Amino acid sequence: SAEALRSYGYKGIIKVMRNGTEIRKPDKKSISYVKSLYNLNNIPVILFVGQMNWKKNIQKVLEAVSLLKKRGYRTELILAGQGPHVEEIRKKITELDISDIVEMAGHITDINILDGLYGAADIFAFPSIYDNSPMVVREAAAMMTPSLLVKNSSAAEGIIDWYNGFLCEDNSKDIADVLEKALFKEKDKIQQIGRNAQSTIPVSWDSIMGDVEKRYSDLIMQKKNNKDKRKKILI
């Protein structure tokens, strides 16, 4: 996150605050319901939750799934969310000939269905290079689902490759290569990686509120001191 700000020319002091999440556990009933709802039967499931916006790098996920299909691997990709590029994404899915393996679930408002989706997924694919400390990665980890993120992106902070998640280059071929290895060639490792994600990534809001409160207090005091200094100069 700090590196991203520096790349935009910011030269001030940077302090990155973690995002918290509501700590919930996988629910077998919710997972079973979602598998029935989306007909997920013994097929590796890739999940994306977020805004349907090209800036989230969704196109590279679609292209990666297309590459897997061409290699003879069958997966199911579920896209959950809404946004300005829904129709363009639908067209791209048709263009790539992956309509049979991609489900656009829309905006999910039922927390049980959302948790069921996280729990039913084998991998949470989130290759965005713009997001900082994304909540969705923490929510997926709480459900023991590891995330696939772009190496050196702000979203990938805290991810150790093949320990509590997966890292890839920012291109569709490498995303496909990592998915192929994780979901098919070395699929026996994914459950342990999911458990590691659950134990290392999510933090409760309660556990970080003290840090947040202190940071706000420091900023308020800093602003007050700056005002006092300006008053003295004017006098």
C-alpha atoms as a PDB file:
ATOM      1  CA  SER A   1       0.000   0.000   0.000  1.00  0.00           C
ATOM      2  CA  ALA A   2       2.788   2.386   0.907  1.00  0.00           C
ATOM      3  CA  GLU A   3       4.635   1.558  -2.320  1.00  0.00           C
ATOM      4  CA  ALA A   4       1.480   2.234  -4.343  1.00  0.00           C
ATOM      5  CA  LEU A   5       1.093   5.675  -2.742  1.00  0.00           C
ATOM      6  CA  ARG A   6       4.758   6.472  -3.380  1.00  0.00           C
ATOM      7  CA  SER A   7       4.329   5.481  -7.034  1.00  0.00           C
ATOM      8  CA  TYR A   8       1.627   8.170  -7.314  1.00  0.00           C
ATOM      9  CA  GLY A   9       4.059  10.789  -6.023  1.00  0.00           C
ATOM     10  CA  TYR A  10       2.967  11.028  -2.372  1.00  0.00           C
ATOM     11  CA  LYS A  11       5.911  11.987  -0.131  1.00  0.00           C
ATOM     12  CA  GLY A  12       4.273  12.329   3.279  1.00  0.00           C
ATOM     13  CA  ILE A  13       4.291   9.953   6.240  1.00  0.00           C
ATOM     14  CA  ILE A  14       2.394   6.728   5.556  1.00  0.00           C
ATOM     15  CA  LYS A  15       0.840   4.478   8.169  1.00  0.00           C
ATOM     16  CA  VAL A  16      -1.168   1.556   6.804  1.00  0.00           C
ATOM     17  CA  MET A  17      -4.126   0.458   8.947  1.00  0.00           C
ATOM     18  CA  ARG A  18      -5.420  -3.083   8.657  1.00  0.00           C
ATOM     19  CA  ASN A  19      -8.993  -3.908   7.743  1.00  0.00           C
ATOM     20  CA  GLY A  20     -10.964  -6.033  10.154  1.00  0.00           C
ATOM     21  CA  THR A  21     -13.756  -8.456   9.446  1.00  0.00           C
ATOM     22  CA  GLU A  22     -16.600 -10.095  11.293  1.00  0.00           C
ATOM     23  CA  ILE A  23     -15.155 -13.445  12.302  1.00  0.00           C
ATOM     24  CA  ARG A  24     -17.513 -16.206  11.208  1.00  0.00           C
ATOM     25  CA  LYS A  25     -16.970 -19.921  10.736  1.00  0.00           C
ATOM     26  CA  PRO A  26     -17.861 -22.121   7.750  1.00  0.00           C
ATOM     27  CA  ASP A  27     -21.424 -23.402   7.967  1.00  0.00           C
ATOM     28  CA  LYS A  28     -22.083 -26.813   6.402  1.00  0.00           C
ATOM     29  CA  LYS A  29     -25.758 -26.057   5.744  1.00  0.00           C
ATOM     30  CA  SER A  30     -24.953 -22.831   3.879  1.00  0.00           C
ATOM     31  CA  ILE A  31     -22.266 -24.551   1.828  1.00  0.00           C
ATOM     32  CA  SER A  32     -24.567 -27.456   0.979  1.00  0.00           C
ATOM     33  CA  TYR A  33     -27.347 -25.052  -0.027  1.00  0.00           C
ATOM     34  CA  VAL A  34     -25.038 -23.057  -2.305  1.00  0.00           C
ATOM     35  CA  LYS A  35     -23.678 -26.203  -3.951  1.00  0.00           C
ATOM     36  CA  SER A  36     -27.238 -27.259  -4.706  1.00  0.00           C
ATOM     37  CA  LEU A  37     -28.255 -23.752  -5.836  1.00  0.00           C
ATOM     38  CA  TYR A  38     -25.423 -23.464  -8.359  1.00  0.00           C
ATOM     39  CA  ASN A  39     -25.134 -27.173  -9.161  1.00  0.00           C
ATOM     40  CA  LEU A  40     -21.547 -27.451  -7.942  1.00  0.00           C
ATOM     41  CA  ASN A  41     -20.805 -31.153  -8.073  1.00  0.00           C
ATOM     42  CA  ASN A  42     -17.201 -32.318  -7.757  1.00  0.00           C
ATOM     43  CA  ILE A  43     -15.886 -29.487  -9.933  1.00  0.00           C
ATOM     44  CA  PRO A  44     -13.207 -27.084  -8.657  1.00  0.00           C
ATOM     45  CA  VAL A  45     -14.864 -23.754  -7.913  1.00  0.00           C
ATOM     46  CA  ILE A  46     -13.204 -20.387  -8.470  1.00  0.00           C
ATOM     47  CA  LEU A  47     -14.944 -17.425  -6.850  1.00  0.00           C
ATOM     48  CA  PHE A  48     -14.742 -13.681  -7.401  1.00  0.00           C
ATOM     49  CA  VAL A  49     -16.703 -11.306  -5.164  1.00  0.00           C
ATOM     50  CA  GLY A  50     -16.583  -7.609  -5.889  1.00  0.00           C
ATOM     51  CA  GLN A  51     -17.610  -4.826  -8.200  1.00  0.00           C
ATOM     52  CA  MET A  52     -18.183  -5.841 -11.810  1.00  0.00           C
ATOM     53  CA  ASN A  53     -15.598  -3.401 -13.086  1.00  0.00           C
ATOM     54  CA  TRP A  54     -12.716  -4.069 -15.466  1.00  0.00           C
ATOM     55  CA  LYS A  55     -10.296  -2.287 -13.108  1.00  0.00           C
ATOM     56  CA  LYS A  56     -10.651  -5.312 -10.815  1.00  0.00           C
ATOM     57  CA  ASN A  57      -8.756  -7.370 -13.445  1.00  0.00           C
ATOM     58  CA  ILE A  58     -11.782  -9.595 -14.058  1.00  0.00           C
ATOM     59  CA  GLN A  59     -10.878 -10.003 -17.721  1.00  0.00           C
ATOM     60  CA  LYS A  60      -7.678 -11.835 -16.796  1.00  0.00           C
ATOM     61  CA  VAL A  61      -9.641 -14.246 -14.612  1.00  0.00           C
ATOM     62  CA  LEU A  62     -12.004 -14.941 -17.519  1.00  0.00           C
ATOM     63  CA  GLU A  63      -9.078 -15.479 -19.875  1.00  0.00           C
ATOM     64  CA  ALA A  64      -7.395 -17.786 -17.361  1.00  0.00           C
ATOM     65  CA  VAL A  65     -10.530 -19.918 -17.045  1.00  0.00           C
ATOM     66  CA  SER A  66     -10.717 -20.041 -20.842  1.00  0.00           C
ATOM     67  CA  LEU A  67      -7.111 -21.238 -20.981  1.00  0.00           C
ATOM     68  CA  LEU A  68      -7.858 -23.968 -18.430  1.00  0.00           C
ATOM     69  CA  LYS A  69     -10.810 -25.102 -20.527  1.00  0.00           C
ATOM     70  CA  LYS A  70      -8.588 -25.292 -23.617  1.00  0.00           C
ATOM     71  CA  ARG A  71      -6.104 -27.373 -21.614  1.00  0.00           C
ATOM     72  CA  GLY A  72      -8.873 -29.841 -20.805  1.00  0.00           C
ATOM     73  CA  TYR A  73      -9.571 -28.793 -17.209  1.00  0.00           C
ATOM     74  CA  ARG A  74     -13.152 -28.131 -16.167  1.00  0.00           C
ATOM     75  CA  THR A  75     -13.785 -25.552 -13.471  1.00  0.00           C
ATOM     76  CA  GLU A  76     -16.717 -23.421 -12.375  1.00  0.00           C
ATOM     77  CA  LEU A  77     -16.210 -19.673 -12.046  1.00  0.00           C
ATOM     78  CA  ILE A  78     -18.743 -17.705 -10.005  1.00  0.00           C
ATOM     79  CA  LEU A  79     -18.784 -13.913 -10.243  1.00  0.00           C
ATOM     80  CA  ALA A  80     -20.728 -12.277  -7.417  1.00  0.00           C
ATOM     81  CA  GLY A  81     -21.344  -8.547  -7.495  1.00  0.00           C
ATOM     82  CA  GLN A  82     -22.732  -5.702  -9.532  1.00  0.00           C
ATOM     83  CA  GLY A  83     -21.182  -2.750 -11.301  1.00  0.00           C
ATOM     84  CA  PRO A  84     -20.871  -0.662 -14.449  1.00  0.00           C
ATOM     85  CA  HIS A  85     -19.416  -3.356 -16.705  1.00  0.00           C
ATOM     86  CA  VAL A  86     -21.836  -6.253 -16.164  1.00  0.00           C
ATOM     87  CA  GLU A  87     -22.994  -6.366 -19.782  1.00  0.00           C
ATOM     88  CA  GLU A  88     -19.464  -6.016 -21.148  1.00  0.00           C
ATOM     89  CA  ILE A  89     -18.388  -8.892 -18.934  1.00  0.00           C
ATOM     90  CA  ARG A  90     -21.272 -11.010 -20.227  1.00  0.00           C
ATOM     91  CA  LYS A  91     -20.144 -10.298 -23.798  1.00  0.00           C
ATOM     92  CA  LYS A  92     -16.561 -11.246 -22.974  1.00  0.00           C
ATOM     93  CA  ILE A  93     -17.748 -14.526 -21.422  1.00  0.00           C
ATOM     94  CA  THR A  94     -19.610 -15.343 -24.642  1.00  0.00           C
ATOM     95  CA  GLU A  95     -16.648 -14.266 -26.762  1.00  0.00           C
ATOM     96  CA  LEU A  96     -14.321 -16.593 -24.832  1.00  0.00           C
ATOM     97  CA  ASP A  97     -16.823 -19.470 -25.130  1.00  0.00           C
ATOM     98  CA  ILE A  98     -16.990 -20.062 -21.379  1.00  0.00           C
ATOM     99  CA  SER A  99     -20.701 -19.429 -20.771  1.00  0.00           C
ATOM    100  CA  ASP A 100     -21.074 -23.066 -19.733  1.00  0.00           C
ATOM    101  CA  ILE A 101     -18.616 -22.709 -16.854  1.00  0.00           C
ATOM    102  CA  VAL A 102     -19.223 -19.147 -15.630  1.00  0.00           C
ATOM    103  CA  GLU A 103     -22.091 -18.127 -13.362  1.00  0.00           C
ATOM    104  CA  MET A 104     -22.881 -14.454 -12.815  1.00  0.00           C
ATOM    105  CA  ALA A 105     -24.563 -14.528  -9.420  1.00  0.00           C
ATOM    106  CA  GLY A 106     -25.262 -10.804  -9.150  1.00  0.00           C
ATOM    107  CA  HIS A 107     -25.226  -8.827  -5.918  1.00  0.00           C
ATOM    108  CA  ILE A 108     -25.525 -11.179  -2.926  1.00  0.00           C
ATOM    109  CA  THR A 109     -27.350  -9.611   0.026  1.00  0.00           C
ATOM    110  CA  ASP A 110     -27.955 -12.805   2.026  1.00  0.00           C
ATOM    111  CA  ILE A 111     -24.936 -13.302   4.304  1.00  0.00           C
ATOM    112  CA  ASN A 112     -25.611 -17.041   4.543  1.00  0.00           C
ATOM    113  CA  ILE A 113     -25.443 -17.432   0.764  1.00  0.00           C
ATOM    114  CA  LEU A 114     -22.311 -15.286   0.600  1.00  0.00           C
ATOM    115  CA  ASP A 115     -20.636 -17.341   3.322  1.00  0.00           C
ATOM    116  CA  GLY A 116     -21.798 -20.480   1.525  1.00  0.00           C
ATOM    117  CA  LEU A 117     -20.152 -19.261  -1.679  1.00  0.00           C
ATOM    118  CA  TYR A 118     -16.901 -18.536   0.125  1.00  0.00           C
ATOM    119  CA  GLY A 119     -17.039 -21.940   1.794  1.00  0.00           C
ATOM    120  CA  ALA A 120     -17.935 -23.825  -1.390  1.00  0.00           C
ATOM    121  CA  ALA A 121     -15.124 -22.226  -3.396  1.00  0.00           C
ATOM    122  CA  ASP A 122     -11.733 -23.871  -3.692  1.00  0.00           C
ATOM    123  CA  ILE A 123      -9.961 -20.612  -4.545  1.00  0.00           C
ATOM    124  CA  PHE A 124     -10.939 -16.972  -4.244  1.00  0.00           C
ATOM    125  CA  ALA A 125      -9.506 -15.195  -7.312  1.00  0.00           C
ATOM    126  CA  PHE A 126      -8.876 -11.506  -6.698  1.00  0.00           C
ATOM    127  CA  PRO A 127      -6.156 -10.188  -9.043  1.00  0.00           C
ATOM    128  CA  SER A 128      -6.995  -6.496  -8.528  1.00  0.00           C
ATOM    129  CA  ILE A 129      -3.939  -4.266  -8.355  1.00  0.00           C
ATOM    130  CA  TYR A 130      -5.900  -1.257  -7.057  1.00  0.00           C
ATOM    131  CA  ASP A 131      -7.445  -2.581  -3.846  1.00  0.00           C
ATOM    132  CA  ASN A 132      -5.830  -2.145  -0.458  1.00  0.00           C
ATOM    133  CA  SER A 133      -6.402  -4.700   2.312  1.00  0.00           C
ATOM    134  CA  PRO A 134      -9.579  -6.008   0.625  1.00  0.00           C
ATOM    135  CA  MET A 135     -12.330  -7.158   2.953  1.00  0.00           C
ATOM    136  CA  VAL A 136     -13.307  -9.956   0.566  1.00  0.00           C
ATOM    137  CA  VAL A 137      -9.924 -11.663   0.949  1.00  0.00           C
ATOM    138  CA  ARG A 138     -10.399 -11.670   4.718  1.00  0.00           C
ATOM    139  CA  GLU A 139     -13.960 -12.939   4.413  1.00  0.00           C
ATOM    140  CA  ALA A 140     -12.800 -15.776   2.155  1.00  0.00           C
ATOM    141  CA  ALA A 141      -9.994 -16.662   4.560  1.00  0.00           C
ATOM    142  CA  ALA A 142     -12.468 -16.811   7.458  1.00  0.00           C
ATOM    143  CA  MET A 143     -14.253 -19.545   5.472  1.00  0.00           C
ATOM    144  CA  MET A 144     -10.925 -21.385   4.950  1.00  0.00           C
ATOM    145  CA  THR A 145     -10.747 -20.432   1.277  1.00  0.00           C
ATOM    146  CA  PRO A 146      -7.317 -19.229   0.122  1.00  0.00           C
ATOM    147  CA  SER A 147      -7.004 -16.325  -2.299  1.00  0.00           C
ATOM    148  CA  LEU A 148      -5.090 -15.925  -5.540  1.00  0.00           C
ATOM    149  CA  LEU A 149      -3.591 -12.438  -5.727  1.00  0.00           C
ATOM    150  CA  VAL A 150      -1.140 -10.541  -7.900  1.00  0.00           C
ATOM    151  CA  LYS A 151       2.402 -10.605  -6.588  1.00  0.00           C
ATOM    152  CA  ASN A 152       3.536  -7.300  -5.021  1.00  0.00           C
ATOM    153  CA  SER A 153       0.037  -5.792  -5.201  1.00  0.00           C
ATOM    154  CA  SER A 154      -1.406  -3.979  -2.181  1.00  0.00           C
ATOM    155  CA  ALA A 155      -4.091  -6.669  -1.949  1.00  0.00           C
ATOM    156  CA  ALA A 156      -1.419  -9.358  -1.559  1.00  0.00           C
ATOM    157  CA  GLU A 157       0.149  -7.930   1.594  1.00  0.00           C
ATOM    158  CA  GLY A 158       0.382 -10.664   4.229  1.00  0.00           C
ATOM    159  CA  ILE A 159       0.111 -13.488   1.693  1.00  0.00           C
ATOM    160  CA  ILE A 160       2.874 -16.092   1.703  1.00  0.00           C
ATOM    161  CA  ASP A 161       2.811 -18.016  -1.564  1.00  0.00           C
ATOM    162  CA  TRP A 162       1.595 -21.594  -1.110  1.00  0.00           C
ATOM    163  CA  TYR A 163       1.344 -21.145   2.665  1.00  0.00           C
ATOM    164  CA  ASN A 164      -1.778 -19.016   3.242  1.00  0.00           C
ATOM    165  CA  GLY A 165      -2.618 -18.110  -0.350  1.00  0.00           C
ATOM    166  CA  PHE A 166      -1.346 -18.037  -3.911  1.00  0.00           C
ATOM    167  CA  LEU A 167       0.569 -15.357  -5.798  1.00  0.00           C
ATOM    168  CA  CYS A 168       0.684 -14.823  -9.546  1.00  0.00           C
ATOM    169  CA  GLU A 169       2.041 -12.439 -12.133  1.00  0.00           C
ATOM    170  CA  ASP A 170      -0.324  -9.851 -13.572  1.00  0.00           C
ATOM    171  CA  ASN A 171      -1.233 -11.828 -16.698  1.00  0.00           C
ATOM    172  CA  SER A 172      -3.872 -14.404 -17.615  1.00  0.00           C
ATOM    173  CA  LYS A 173      -1.403 -17.174 -18.487  1.00  0.00           C
ATOM    174  CA  ASP A 174       0.271 -17.125 -15.087  1.00  0.00           C
ATOM    175  CA  ILE A 175      -3.118 -16.971 -13.356  1.00  0.00           C
ATOM    176  CA  ALA A 176      -4.117 -20.067 -15.342  1.00  0.00           C
ATOM    177  CA  ASP A 177      -0.827 -21.796 -14.481  1.00  0.00           C
ATOM    178  CA  VAL A 178      -1.291 -21.183 -10.743  1.00  0.00           C
ATOM    179  CA  LEU A 179      -4.923 -22.328 -10.881  1.00  0.00           C
ATOM    180  CA  GLU A 180      -3.947 -25.476 -12.772  1.00  0.00           C
ATOM    181  CA  LYS A 181      -1.289 -26.348 -10.215  1.00  0.00           C
ATOM    182  CA  ALA A 182      -3.432 -25.517  -7.166  1.00  0.00           C
ATOM    183  CA  LEU A 183      -6.707 -27.069  -8.338  1.00  0.00           C
ATOM    184  CA  PHE A 184      -5.429 -30.090 -10.238  1.00  0.00           C
ATOM    185  CA  LYS A 185      -1.728 -30.938 -10.079  1.00  0.00           C
ATOM    186  CA  GLU A 186      -1.224 -30.315  -6.343  1.00  0.00           C
ATOM    187  CA  LYS A 187      -4.833 -30.159  -5.144  1.00  0.00           C
ATOM    188  CA  ASP A 188      -4.002 -32.161  -2.000  1.00  0.00           C
ATOM    189  CA  LYS A 189      -2.347 -29.036  -0.530  1.00  0.00           C
ATOM    190  CA  ILE A 190      -5.226 -26.615  -0.883  1.00  0.00           C
ATOM    191  CA  GLN A 191      -7.128 -27.547   2.289  1.00  0.00           C
ATOM    192  CA  GLN A 192      -4.099 -26.943   4.500  1.00  0.00           C
ATOM    193  CA  ILE A 193      -3.430 -23.641   2.744  1.00  0.00           C
ATOM    194  CA  GLY A 194      -7.055 -22.711   3.452  1.00  0.00           C
ATOM    195  CA  ARG A 195      -6.607 -23.547   7.131  1.00  0.00           C
ATOM    196  CA  ASN A 196      -3.450 -21.441   7.222  1.00  0.00           C
ATOM    197  CA  ALA A 197      -5.355 -18.572   5.604  1.00  0.00           C
ATOM    198  CA  GLN A 198      -8.036 -18.794   8.280  1.00  0.00           C
ATOM    199  CA  SER A 199      -5.498 -18.697  11.104  1.00  0.00           C
ATOM    200  CA  THR A 200      -3.291 -15.891   9.736  1.00  0.00           C
ATOM    201  CA  ILE A 201      -5.369 -13.442   7.666  1.00  0.00           C
ATOM    202  CA  PRO A 202      -8.706 -12.441   9.279  1.00  0.00           C
ATOM    203  CA  VAL A 203      -8.631 -10.122  12.285  1.00  0.00           C
ATOM    204  CA  SER A 204     -11.719  -9.005  14.165  1.00  0.00           C
ATOM    205  CA  TRP A 205     -12.750  -5.365  14.240  1.00  0.00           C
ATOM    206  CA  ASP A 206     -12.584  -5.477  18.037  1.00  0.00           C
ATOM    207  CA  SER A 207      -8.908  -6.422  17.930  1.00  0.00           C
ATOM    208  CA  ILE A 208      -7.893  -3.451  15.760  1.00  0.00           C
ATOM    209  CA  MET A 209     -10.204  -0.715  17.055  1.00  0.00           C
ATOM    210  CA  GLY A 210      -7.664   0.310  19.679  1.00  0.00           C
ATOM    211  CA  ASP A 211      -5.089   0.980  16.940  1.00  0.00           C
ATOM    212  CA  VAL A 212      -7.662   2.849  14.838  1.00  0.00           C
ATOM    213  CA  GLU A 213      -8.744   5.019  17.776  1.00  0.00           C
ATOM    214  CA  LYS A 214      -5.127   5.857  18.637  1.00  0.00           C
ATOM    215  CA  ARG A 215      -4.349   6.763  15.025  1.00  0.00           C
ATOM    216  CA  TYR A 216      -7.323   9.134  14.810  1.00  0.00           C
ATOM    217  CA  SER A 217      -6.327  10.719  18.140  1.00  0.00           C
ATOM    218  CA  ASP A 218      -2.771  11.223  16.874  1.00  0.00           C
ATOM    219  CA  LEU A 219      -4.020  12.837  13.649  1.00  0.00           C
ATOM    220  CA  ILE A 220      -6.382  15.170  15.533  1.00  0.00           C
ATOM    221  CA  MET A 221      -3.592  16.207  17.903  1.00  0.00           C
ATOM    222  CA  GLN A 222      -1.206  16.703  14.979  1.00  0.00           C
ATOM    223  CA  LYS A 223      -3.712  18.942  13.189  1.00  0.00           C
ATOM    224  CA  LYS A 224      -4.324  20.944  16.380  1.00  0.00           C
ATOM    225  CA  ASN A 225      -0.580  21.449  16.904  1.00  0.00           C
ATOM    226  CA  ASN A 226      -0.172  22.620  13.307  1.00  0.00           C
ATOM    227  CA  LYS A 227      -2.965  25.179  13.790  1.00  0.00           C
ATOM    228  CA  ASP A 228      -1.332  26.433  17.002  1.00  0.00           C
ATOM    229  CA  LYS A 229       1.990  26.845  15.182  1.00  0.00           C
ATOM    230  CA  ARG A 230       0.348  28.848  12.392  1.00  0.00           C
ATOM    231  CA  LYS A 231      -1.335  31.130  14.955  1.00  0.00           C
ATOM    232  CA  LYS A 232       2.032  31.862  16.612  1.00  0.00           C
ATOM    233  CA  ILE A 233       3.558  32.734  13.239  1.00  0.00           C
ATOM    234  CA  LEU A 234       0.710  35.174  12.487  1.00  0.00           C
ATOM    235  CA  ILE A 235       1.130  36.844  15.894  1.00  0.00           C
END
